[in-house]
Amino acid sequence: MNIVVVGCGKIGKEIISSLMEEKHNVTAVDLNPRVIDNVTATYDVIGICGSGTEFVKLRDAGVKNADLFIAATNSDEINMLSCFVAGRMGAKHTVARIRNTENNDAESLEFMKNQLGLSMSINPEMLTAKAIFNILKMPSATKVETFSSHSFDMVELVLRDNSPIDGISLIELRKKIKEKFLVCTVSRDGKVYIPQGNFILKKGDKIGIILSPKDSNKIFKAFDVAQKQARDVIIMGGGKTSAYLAKMLIENHIVAKVIEVDKKRSEDFCELVPGSLVINGNGMNQDLLREEGITTTDAFVSLTGHDEENILISFYAISQKVPKVISKVNREELSVLSEKLGLDSILSPKKLIADTLVQYARALSNTEGSKVETLYRIMNGGAEALEFNVLPEFEYLNVALKNIKFKDGILLAGIVRGRENIIPSGDDVIKAGDKVIVIVAGQRISDLESIVRGV
């Protein structure tokens, strides 16, 4: 597809990188000539130096023939205006990065989409807050992804020392646990596996599990990793992500205590999020953290604007035996290092946004027979979990799965049929209207047809 990206900051560059991996034709637009020079030197893209609201610059960027137009500058207003102009010039689909809390309630977003012709809005801070909230609801996991049907979750967890399933094969594990679940990916020594039944789990493995949310506690208990849902959370940093997260926590009757060093921001936070407990102080001060209950809290979330601060204070929280520690880290090299050192719940806003747009782009380019509903990159990007909506044109409807030859590195992990969620066996079939969850390692797919050999 032909895609134009306006705004090449941290978020914009991550979007461009992900879209280039998907083999799209990308044109980048930014006001800063140094930024454009850097982007064109790093990626095989066309660079246009100028404003995303200038007709001439957008014309030069080929907006008239754009299948997808993405505005990801730091200004909501510029992004919205840019998308409006691009839509009038002929761009088929437009996506705006909209961050301000006052622009992100359902009524405001619906109004703007209708009036500006937006196809979609994206909000890095809200996506990050939702991802953190999902983990806090299921703290035994290092990562939780929810599919659109809400019948299945994709969770990741690490097998610790003395795990009762260390040395057990997946066949044996399934015999021990009655609830519906499927170990669909295993990351070990930097390699990602889609395991068969005779695969033996080992301590240190990061495993990805498809399960029904209602069964999660029983399954985690059998894995000996069960933790109670967080009821008391300390958040370091009073930015937009913290505000979205605090609202979610308070609405779910979870105590949210926010530590913010800037006095004015602390006061604004109190007004923005009624019911939150805001402490004006330096979250890097260990005495302050102890005074505010870090040794007894259920969870600690570090959301400052500095990766290094988030990492350091998160390791301190781990040393204080906080049951769940979550950190926002954008820089890939720091994220990888921190995970190796034991910080296993790490979130990157720019990656969340990039994954959302990759999912949207694949949905636009779907062939007949299926439609991508959800896409998650899992196991540190070593695999993908995709949810497809099965259309009547799918060639393999009502064929027993044991009679379909799936490609290597692909696993059909779940079928949702109405209110029924199915961990599939060889005798199950795919029907029109189903939602199916597919795990893919080492390749990219855009449609359900391409999971079958010879297609």
Protein backbone atom coordinates (compact mmCIF):
# COMPACT_ATOMS: atom_id res chain seq x y z
CA MET A 1 0.00 0.00 0.00
CA ASN A 2 0.98 3.64 -0.42
CA ILE A 3 1.24 5.23 3.05
CA VAL A 4 2.11 8.78 4.09
CA VAL A 5 3.34 9.45 7.64
CA VAL A 6 3.40 13.03 8.94
CA GLY A 7 5.55 13.58 12.01
CA CYS A 8 8.79 11.63 12.41
CA GLY A 9 9.48 11.82 16.15
CA LYS A 10 9.90 8.71 18.32
CA ILE A 11 6.38 7.50 17.56
CA GLY A 12 6.57 8.38 13.86
CA LYS A 13 9.89 6.59 13.36
CA GLU A 14 8.58 3.44 15.03
CA ILE A 15 5.51 3.55 12.79
CA ILE A 16 7.69 3.97 9.70
CA SER A 17 9.98 1.12 10.76
CA SER A 18 7.06 -1.27 11.30
CA LEU A 19 5.37 -0.32 8.04
CA MET A 20 8.61 -0.80 6.11
CA GLU A 21 8.93 -4.30 7.58
CA GLU A 22 5.45 -4.92 6.17
CA LYS A 23 6.76 -3.96 2.67
CA HIS A 24 4.57 -0.87 2.25
CA ASN A 25 5.59 2.16 0.16
CA VAL A 26 6.08 4.91 2.75
CA THR A 27 6.53 8.66 2.35
CA ALA A 28 7.65 10.61 5.44
CA VAL A 29 6.80 14.28 6.08
CA ASP A 30 8.34 16.45 8.82
CA LEU A 31 9.11 20.13 9.35
CA ASN A 32 12.68 19.47 10.54
CA PRO A 33 15.17 18.92 7.67
CA ARG A 34 17.58 17.04 9.99
CA VAL A 35 14.81 14.64 10.95
CA ILE A 36 13.98 14.01 7.30
CA ASP A 37 17.66 13.45 6.48
CA ASN A 38 17.90 10.93 9.33
CA VAL A 39 14.74 9.07 8.31
CA THR A 40 15.69 8.80 4.64
CA ALA A 41 19.20 7.67 5.58
CA THR A 42 17.79 4.97 7.89
CA TYR A 43 14.82 3.72 5.87
CA ASP A 44 14.07 3.29 2.19
CA VAL A 45 11.41 6.00 2.17
CA ILE A 46 10.68 9.22 0.30
CA GLY A 47 11.21 12.26 2.54
CA ILE A 48 9.36 15.58 2.25
CA CYS A 49 10.43 18.52 4.42
CA GLY A 50 7.44 20.65 5.30
CA SER A 51 4.23 20.96 7.27
CA GLY A 52 1.56 18.27 7.20
CA THR A 53 -1.04 20.99 6.69
CA GLU A 54 0.52 22.48 3.53
CA PHE A 55 -1.34 21.58 0.36
CA VAL A 56 1.79 21.71 -1.81
CA LYS A 57 3.84 19.50 0.50
CA LEU A 58 1.03 16.96 0.79
CA ARG A 59 0.62 17.00 -2.98
CA ASP A 60 4.34 16.32 -3.37
CA ALA A 61 4.01 13.46 -0.87
CA GLY A 62 1.46 11.78 -3.11
CA VAL A 63 -1.47 12.09 -0.74
CA LYS A 64 -3.89 11.95 -3.66
CA ASN A 65 -2.96 8.29 -4.20
CA ALA A 66 -2.41 7.34 -0.55
CA ASP A 67 -4.18 4.25 0.72
CA LEU A 68 -3.43 5.31 4.29
CA PHE A 69 -2.48 8.69 5.75
CA ILE A 70 -1.12 8.87 9.33
CA ALA A 71 -0.58 12.13 11.23
CA ALA A 72 1.62 11.55 14.30
CA THR A 73 3.03 14.96 15.24
CA ASN A 74 3.04 16.22 18.85
CA SER A 75 0.05 18.49 18.14
CA ASP A 76 -3.52 17.12 18.19
CA GLU A 77 -4.71 20.14 16.21
CA ILE A 78 -2.12 19.75 13.45
CA ASN A 79 -2.85 16.02 13.23
CA MET A 80 -6.58 16.56 12.90
CA LEU A 81 -6.22 19.37 10.34
CA SER A 82 -3.64 17.38 8.41
CA CYS A 83 -5.98 14.38 8.18
CA PHE A 84 -8.87 16.61 7.14
CA VAL A 85 -6.83 18.13 4.30
CA ALA A 86 -5.47 14.73 3.24
CA GLY A 87 -8.97 13.27 3.12
CA ARG A 88 -10.15 16.13 0.92
CA MET A 89 -7.16 15.59 -1.36
CA GLY A 90 -8.04 11.93 -1.91
CA ALA A 91 -6.39 9.84 0.82
CA LYS A 92 -8.55 6.73 1.25
CA HIS A 93 -8.04 6.30 5.01
CA THR A 94 -6.77 8.78 7.60
CA VAL A 95 -5.46 8.20 11.14
CA ALA A 96 -4.66 10.96 13.66
CA ARG A 97 -2.65 10.78 16.86
CA ILE A 98 -4.88 12.47 19.45
CA ARG A 99 -3.39 12.63 22.95
CA ASN A 100 -5.15 15.28 25.04
CA THR A 101 -7.53 13.87 27.61
CA GLU A 102 -10.27 16.36 26.75
CA ASN A 103 -10.26 15.11 23.14
CA ASN A 104 -10.43 11.42 24.04
CA ASP A 105 -13.85 10.87 25.55
CA ALA A 106 -16.18 8.82 23.37
CA GLU A 107 -18.44 11.76 22.43
CA SER A 108 -15.56 14.02 21.35
CA LEU A 109 -13.87 11.28 19.30
CA GLU A 110 -17.12 10.37 17.55
CA PHE A 111 -17.77 14.02 16.70
CA MET A 112 -14.27 14.53 15.32
CA LYS A 113 -14.36 11.34 13.28
CA ASN A 114 -17.65 12.37 11.70
CA GLN A 115 -16.73 15.99 11.09
CA LEU A 116 -13.12 15.43 9.98
CA GLY A 117 -13.65 12.16 8.15
CA LEU A 118 -11.14 10.34 10.37
CA SER A 119 -10.90 6.60 9.91
CA MET A 120 -9.28 6.10 13.32
CA SER A 121 -7.60 7.98 16.16
CA ILE A 122 -4.63 6.65 18.14
CA ASN A 123 -3.51 7.61 21.62
CA PRO A 124 -0.18 6.20 22.88
CA GLU A 125 -0.84 7.14 26.49
CA MET A 126 -4.30 5.58 26.60
CA LEU A 127 -3.11 2.38 24.90
CA THR A 128 -0.27 2.13 27.41
CA ALA A 129 -2.61 2.69 30.34
CA LYS A 130 -4.99 0.00 29.09
CA ALA A 131 -2.12 -2.46 28.66
CA ILE A 132 -0.92 -1.77 32.22
CA PHE A 133 -4.44 -2.10 33.60
CA ASN A 134 -4.83 -5.51 31.93
CA ILE A 135 -1.66 -6.71 33.64
CA LEU A 136 -2.76 -5.37 37.03
CA LYS A 137 -5.98 -7.37 36.69
CA MET A 138 -3.88 -10.48 36.01
CA PRO A 139 -0.55 -9.75 37.78
CA SER A 140 0.78 -13.31 37.46
CA ALA A 141 1.43 -12.47 33.80
CA THR A 142 4.19 -10.27 32.42
CA LYS A 143 1.97 -9.27 29.51
CA VAL A 144 -1.74 -9.62 28.76
CA GLU A 145 -3.41 -9.15 25.39
CA THR A 146 -7.20 -9.26 25.04
CA PHE A 147 -8.84 -10.29 21.78
CA SER A 148 -11.87 -8.45 20.42
CA SER A 149 -14.29 -11.22 21.38
CA HIS A 150 -13.08 -11.11 25.04
CA SER A 151 -13.44 -14.92 25.07
CA PHE A 152 -9.69 -15.51 25.06
CA ASP A 153 -6.66 -13.72 26.50
CA MET A 154 -3.07 -14.13 25.34
CA VAL A 155 -0.83 -14.01 28.41
CA GLU A 156 2.92 -14.28 28.83
CA LEU A 157 4.66 -15.46 31.98
CA VAL A 158 8.11 -16.61 33.03
CA LEU A 159 8.75 -19.98 34.69
CA ARG A 160 10.75 -19.26 37.83
CA ASP A 161 13.15 -21.49 39.75
CA ASN A 162 11.42 -24.37 41.53
CA SER A 163 8.42 -24.15 39.19
CA PRO A 164 6.28 -27.29 39.53
CA ILE A 165 6.05 -27.57 35.74
CA ASP A 166 9.82 -27.44 35.16
CA GLY A 167 10.69 -30.58 33.19
CA ILE A 168 7.06 -31.43 32.31
CA SER A 169 5.91 -32.00 28.74
CA LEU A 170 2.89 -30.14 27.39
CA ILE A 171 0.96 -33.40 27.09
CA GLU A 172 1.51 -34.08 30.79
CA LEU A 173 0.57 -30.50 31.64
CA ARG A 174 -2.75 -30.76 29.80
CA LYS A 175 -3.55 -33.94 31.73
CA LYS A 176 -2.89 -32.20 35.06
CA ILE A 177 -5.07 -29.13 34.38
CA LYS A 178 -8.74 -29.50 33.46
CA GLU A 179 -9.37 -25.88 32.43
CA LYS A 180 -9.16 -24.79 28.80
CA PHE A 181 -5.75 -23.45 27.85
CA LEU A 182 -3.03 -23.85 25.24
CA VAL A 183 0.70 -23.16 25.56
CA CYS A 184 1.20 -21.75 22.08
CA THR A 185 4.66 -20.14 22.23
CA VAL A 186 7.86 -20.60 24.22
CA SER A 187 10.83 -18.22 24.20
CA ARG A 188 14.09 -19.87 25.30
CA ASP A 189 17.65 -18.58 24.85
CA GLY A 190 16.53 -15.97 22.34
CA LYS A 191 14.62 -18.42 20.14
CA VAL A 192 10.83 -18.63 19.84
CA TYR A 193 9.14 -22.03 19.48
CA ILE A 194 5.60 -23.04 18.60
CA PRO A 195 5.71 -26.20 20.72
CA GLN A 196 4.24 -29.64 20.04
CA GLY A 197 2.82 -31.92 22.73
CA ASN A 198 6.16 -33.55 23.53
CA PHE A 199 7.86 -30.18 24.16
CA ILE A 200 9.35 -30.10 27.68
CA LEU A 201 9.16 -26.86 29.65
CA LYS A 202 12.16 -25.56 31.59
CA LYS A 203 12.72 -22.92 34.26
CA GLY A 204 13.52 -19.56 32.69
CA ASP A 205 11.20 -20.15 29.75
CA LYS A 206 8.87 -17.33 28.81
CA ILE A 207 5.65 -19.01 27.74
CA GLY A 208 2.63 -17.64 25.89
CA ILE A 209 -0.73 -19.10 26.84
CA ILE A 210 -4.16 -18.78 25.23
CA LEU A 211 -6.80 -19.09 27.95
CA SER A 212 -10.27 -18.05 28.97
CA PRO A 213 -10.11 -15.13 31.44
CA LYS A 214 -12.45 -16.87 33.85
CA ASP A 215 -10.04 -19.81 34.12
CA SER A 216 -6.86 -17.77 34.58
CA ASN A 217 -6.61 -18.00 38.38
CA LYS A 218 -6.95 -21.80 38.42
CA ILE A 219 -4.38 -22.17 35.64
CA PHE A 220 -1.90 -19.81 37.30
CA LYS A 221 -2.36 -21.66 40.58
CA ALA A 222 -1.48 -24.93 38.86
CA PHE A 223 1.62 -23.20 37.45
CA ASP A 224 2.41 -21.95 40.98
CA VAL A 225 2.59 -18.33 39.84
CA ALA A 226 -0.79 -17.16 41.15
CA GLN A 227 -0.99 -13.60 42.50
CA LYS A 228 -4.01 -11.72 43.77
CA GLN A 229 -5.38 -8.89 41.67
CA ALA A 230 -3.80 -5.58 42.65
CA ARG A 231 -6.00 -3.49 44.96
CA ASP A 232 -3.43 -0.84 45.92
CA VAL A 233 -1.13 0.70 43.29
CA ILE A 234 1.65 3.30 43.49
CA ILE A 235 2.28 5.20 40.24
CA MET A 236 5.43 7.25 39.78
CA GLY A 237 4.93 10.19 37.41
CA GLY A 238 1.89 12.39 36.87
CA GLY A 239 1.72 12.52 33.08
CA LYS A 240 -1.10 11.63 30.66
CA THR A 241 -0.54 7.87 30.89
CA SER A 242 -0.76 8.04 34.68
CA ALA A 243 -3.99 10.04 34.44
CA TYR A 244 -5.64 7.49 32.16
CA LEU A 245 -4.43 4.62 34.35
CA ALA A 246 -5.52 6.25 37.61
CA LYS A 247 -9.03 6.81 36.23
CA MET A 248 -9.28 3.13 35.23
CA LEU A 249 -8.08 2.00 38.64
CA ILE A 250 -10.43 4.27 40.58
CA GLU A 251 -13.42 3.22 38.44
CA ASN A 252 -12.60 -0.37 39.41
CA HIS A 253 -12.30 0.47 43.13
CA ILE A 254 -8.51 0.16 43.18
CA VAL A 255 -6.54 2.66 45.25
CA ALA A 256 -4.26 4.78 43.01
CA LYS A 257 -1.48 6.75 44.71
CA VAL A 258 0.50 9.02 42.34
CA ILE A 259 3.92 10.51 43.13
CA GLU A 260 4.81 13.58 41.04
CA VAL A 261 7.80 15.88 41.58
CA ASP A 262 6.31 18.96 39.86
CA LYS A 263 3.95 20.90 42.16
CA LYS A 264 1.81 22.45 39.40
CA ARG A 265 1.38 19.10 37.66
CA SER A 266 0.44 17.52 41.00
CA GLU A 267 -2.29 20.12 41.50
CA ASP A 268 -3.55 19.68 37.93
CA PHE A 269 -3.62 15.91 38.39
CA CYS A 270 -5.88 16.21 41.44
CA GLU A 271 -8.38 18.21 39.38
CA LEU A 272 -8.11 15.94 36.35
CA VAL A 273 -8.51 12.69 38.28
CA PRO A 274 -10.82 13.16 41.27
CA GLY A 275 -10.37 10.45 43.85
CA SER A 276 -6.67 9.90 43.21
CA LEU A 277 -4.12 10.34 45.99
CA VAL A 278 -1.35 12.65 44.73
CA ILE A 279 1.95 13.07 46.55
CA ASN A 280 4.09 16.03 45.50
CA GLY A 281 7.63 14.70 45.90
CA ASN A 282 10.59 13.06 44.22
CA GLY A 283 9.78 9.43 43.46
CA MET A 284 13.48 8.62 43.28
CA ASN A 285 13.71 9.33 47.02
CA GLN A 286 13.69 5.94 48.74
CA ASP A 287 12.65 7.40 52.11
CA LEU A 288 9.58 8.95 50.47
CA LEU A 289 8.68 5.66 48.80
CA ARG A 290 8.91 3.81 52.09
CA GLU A 291 6.77 6.46 53.79
CA GLU A 292 4.13 6.06 51.09
CA GLY A 293 3.99 2.29 51.52
CA ILE A 294 6.15 0.73 48.82
CA THR A 295 6.85 -2.24 51.13
CA THR A 296 3.13 -3.06 51.43
CA THR A 297 1.66 -2.02 48.08
CA ASP A 298 0.34 -4.63 45.63
CA ALA A 299 1.92 -3.00 42.57
CA PHE A 300 4.33 -0.28 41.51
CA VAL A 301 4.16 1.38 38.08
CA SER A 302 6.92 3.70 36.87
CA LEU A 303 5.72 6.16 34.21
CA THR A 304 8.10 9.11 34.20
CA GLY A 305 9.39 10.54 30.94
CA HIS A 306 12.86 9.06 31.48
CA ASP A 307 13.59 5.42 30.71
CA GLU A 308 16.60 5.32 33.03
CA GLU A 309 14.59 6.60 36.00
CA ASN A 310 11.80 4.14 35.33
CA ILE A 311 14.23 1.22 35.21
CA LEU A 312 16.24 2.17 38.31
CA ILE A 313 13.25 2.80 40.54
CA SER A 314 11.55 -0.35 39.27
CA PHE A 315 14.54 -2.43 40.37
CA TYR A 316 14.33 -0.73 43.76
CA ALA A 317 10.65 -1.71 43.97
CA ILE A 318 11.60 -5.30 43.16
CA SER A 319 14.19 -5.21 45.95
CA GLN A 320 11.39 -4.17 48.33
CA LYS A 321 9.42 -7.30 47.39
CA VAL A 322 6.62 -5.46 45.59
CA PRO A 323 4.51 -8.28 44.07
CA LYS A 324 4.05 -6.59 40.67
CA VAL A 325 6.38 -4.03 39.08
CA ILE A 326 5.65 -2.47 35.68
CA SER A 327 7.85 0.01 33.84
CA LYS A 328 7.49 2.17 30.75
CA VAL A 329 10.64 1.91 28.60
CA ASN A 330 10.80 3.17 25.02
CA ARG A 331 14.44 2.51 24.10
CA GLU A 332 14.81 -1.00 22.74
CA GLU A 333 18.36 -1.57 24.02
CA LEU A 334 17.37 -0.61 27.57
CA SER A 335 14.25 -2.73 27.41
CA VAL A 336 16.20 -5.84 26.39
CA LEU A 337 18.86 -5.29 29.06
CA SER A 338 16.30 -4.66 31.80
CA GLU A 339 14.39 -7.82 30.96
CA LYS A 340 17.57 -9.89 31.12
CA LEU A 341 18.22 -8.45 34.58
CA GLY A 342 14.77 -9.44 35.82
CA LEU A 343 12.38 -6.60 34.99
CA ASP A 344 9.87 -8.62 33.00
CA SER A 345 6.81 -6.32 32.72
CA ILE A 346 7.99 -3.59 30.34
CA LEU A 347 5.77 -1.53 28.03
CA SER A 348 6.69 0.73 25.12
CA PRO A 349 4.04 3.26 23.94
CA LYS A 350 5.64 3.62 20.51
CA LYS A 351 5.53 -0.14 19.94
CA LEU A 352 1.88 -0.31 21.00
CA ILE A 353 1.02 2.39 18.46
CA ALA A 354 3.07 0.74 15.71
CA ASP A 355 1.38 -2.62 16.32
CA THR A 356 -2.05 -0.99 16.17
CA LEU A 357 -1.27 0.61 12.81
CA VAL A 358 0.26 -2.57 11.39
CA GLN A 359 -2.96 -4.36 12.34
CA TYR A 360 -5.01 -1.64 10.65
CA ALA A 361 -2.89 -1.72 7.49
CA ARG A 362 -3.18 -5.50 7.23
CA ALA A 363 -6.92 -5.29 7.69
CA LEU A 364 -7.10 -2.83 4.79
CA SER A 365 -5.07 -5.11 2.52
CA ASN A 366 -6.92 -8.35 3.40
CA THR A 367 -7.78 -10.73 0.58
CA GLU A 368 -11.07 -12.63 0.41
CA GLY A 369 -12.03 -15.14 3.09
CA SER A 370 -10.86 -13.39 6.25
CA LYS A 371 -10.31 -10.10 8.00
CA VAL A 372 -7.73 -9.20 10.65
CA GLU A 373 -9.57 -8.08 13.79
CA THR A 374 -6.64 -8.01 16.21
CA LEU A 375 -2.85 -8.29 15.93
CA TYR A 376 -0.31 -8.53 18.73
CA ARG A 377 3.43 -8.93 18.53
CA ILE A 378 4.38 -11.33 21.29
CA MET A 379 7.55 -12.87 22.74
CA ASN A 380 9.49 -9.60 22.22
CA GLY A 381 8.47 -9.51 18.57
CA GLY A 382 9.49 -13.12 17.86
CA ALA A 383 5.92 -14.14 17.05
CA GLU A 384 2.49 -12.69 16.31
CA ALA A 385 -0.98 -13.50 17.57
CA LEU A 386 -3.71 -12.60 15.09
CA GLU A 387 -7.46 -12.76 15.37
CA PHE A 388 -9.37 -13.21 12.10
CA ASN A 389 -13.05 -12.75 11.39
CA VAL A 390 -13.91 -15.65 9.05
CA LEU A 391 -15.92 -14.60 6.00
CA PRO A 392 -18.11 -16.92 3.89
CA GLU A 393 -15.48 -16.87 1.10
CA PHE A 394 -12.89 -18.78 3.17
CA GLU A 395 -11.95 -21.87 1.15
CA TYR A 396 -11.64 -24.30 4.07
CA LEU A 397 -14.99 -23.84 5.79
CA ASN A 398 -16.35 -26.94 7.54
CA VAL A 399 -13.17 -28.95 6.86
CA ALA A 400 -11.80 -30.91 9.85
CA LEU A 401 -8.59 -29.21 11.00
CA LYS A 402 -6.73 -32.54 10.86
CA ASN A 403 -7.36 -32.55 7.09
CA ILE A 404 -5.88 -29.05 6.56
CA LYS A 405 -2.13 -28.87 6.01
CA PHE A 406 -0.97 -25.81 7.92
CA LYS A 407 2.37 -24.19 7.18
CA ASP A 408 5.29 -24.71 9.53
CA GLY A 409 5.51 -22.10 12.28
CA ILE A 410 1.73 -21.63 12.41
CA LEU A 411 -0.72 -22.74 15.09
CA LEU A 412 -4.49 -22.38 15.13
CA ALA A 413 -4.89 -21.60 18.82
CA GLY A 414 -8.54 -20.71 19.35
CA ILE A 415 -11.97 -20.54 17.78
CA VAL A 416 -14.76 -18.27 19.05
CA ARG A 417 -18.23 -19.26 17.86
CA GLY A 418 -20.92 -17.06 19.31
CA ARG A 419 -20.54 -17.38 23.09
CA GLU A 420 -18.53 -20.59 22.82
CA ASN A 421 -14.73 -20.51 23.02
CA ILE A 422 -12.94 -23.57 21.63
CA ILE A 423 -9.38 -24.78 22.10
CA PRO A 424 -9.36 -26.65 18.77
CA SER A 425 -8.65 -30.33 18.20
CA GLY A 426 -8.19 -32.14 14.91
CA ASP A 427 -11.91 -32.85 14.61
CA ASP A 428 -12.98 -29.20 14.94
CA VAL A 429 -13.88 -27.11 11.89
CA ILE A 430 -13.89 -23.43 10.96
CA LYS A 431 -17.28 -21.91 10.13
CA ALA A 432 -18.29 -18.63 8.52
CA GLY A 433 -18.72 -15.99 11.22
CA ASP A 434 -16.17 -17.58 13.55
CA LYS A 435 -13.32 -15.62 15.03
CA VAL A 436 -10.11 -17.63 14.95
CA ILE A 437 -6.82 -16.94 16.73
CA VAL A 438 -3.64 -17.84 14.86
CA ILE A 439 -0.10 -17.83 16.26
CA VAL A 440 2.65 -17.19 13.72
CA ALA A 441 6.44 -17.38 14.17
CA GLY A 442 9.07 -16.38 11.62
CA GLN A 443 6.69 -14.99 9.00
CA ARG A 444 3.90 -12.47 8.40
CA ILE A 445 0.39 -13.20 7.22
CA SER A 446 -2.44 -10.84 6.28
CA ASP A 447 -5.24 -13.31 5.64
CA LEU A 448 -6.47 -16.66 6.88
CA GLU A 449 -5.91 -18.37 3.53
CA SER A 450 -2.15 -17.95 3.79
CA ILE A 451 -1.82 -20.20 6.86
CA VAL A 452 -2.36 -23.25 4.62
CA ARG A 453 0.48 -24.93 2.73
CA GLY A 454 0.56 -24.27 -0.98
CA VAL A 455 -1.29 -20.97 -0.65
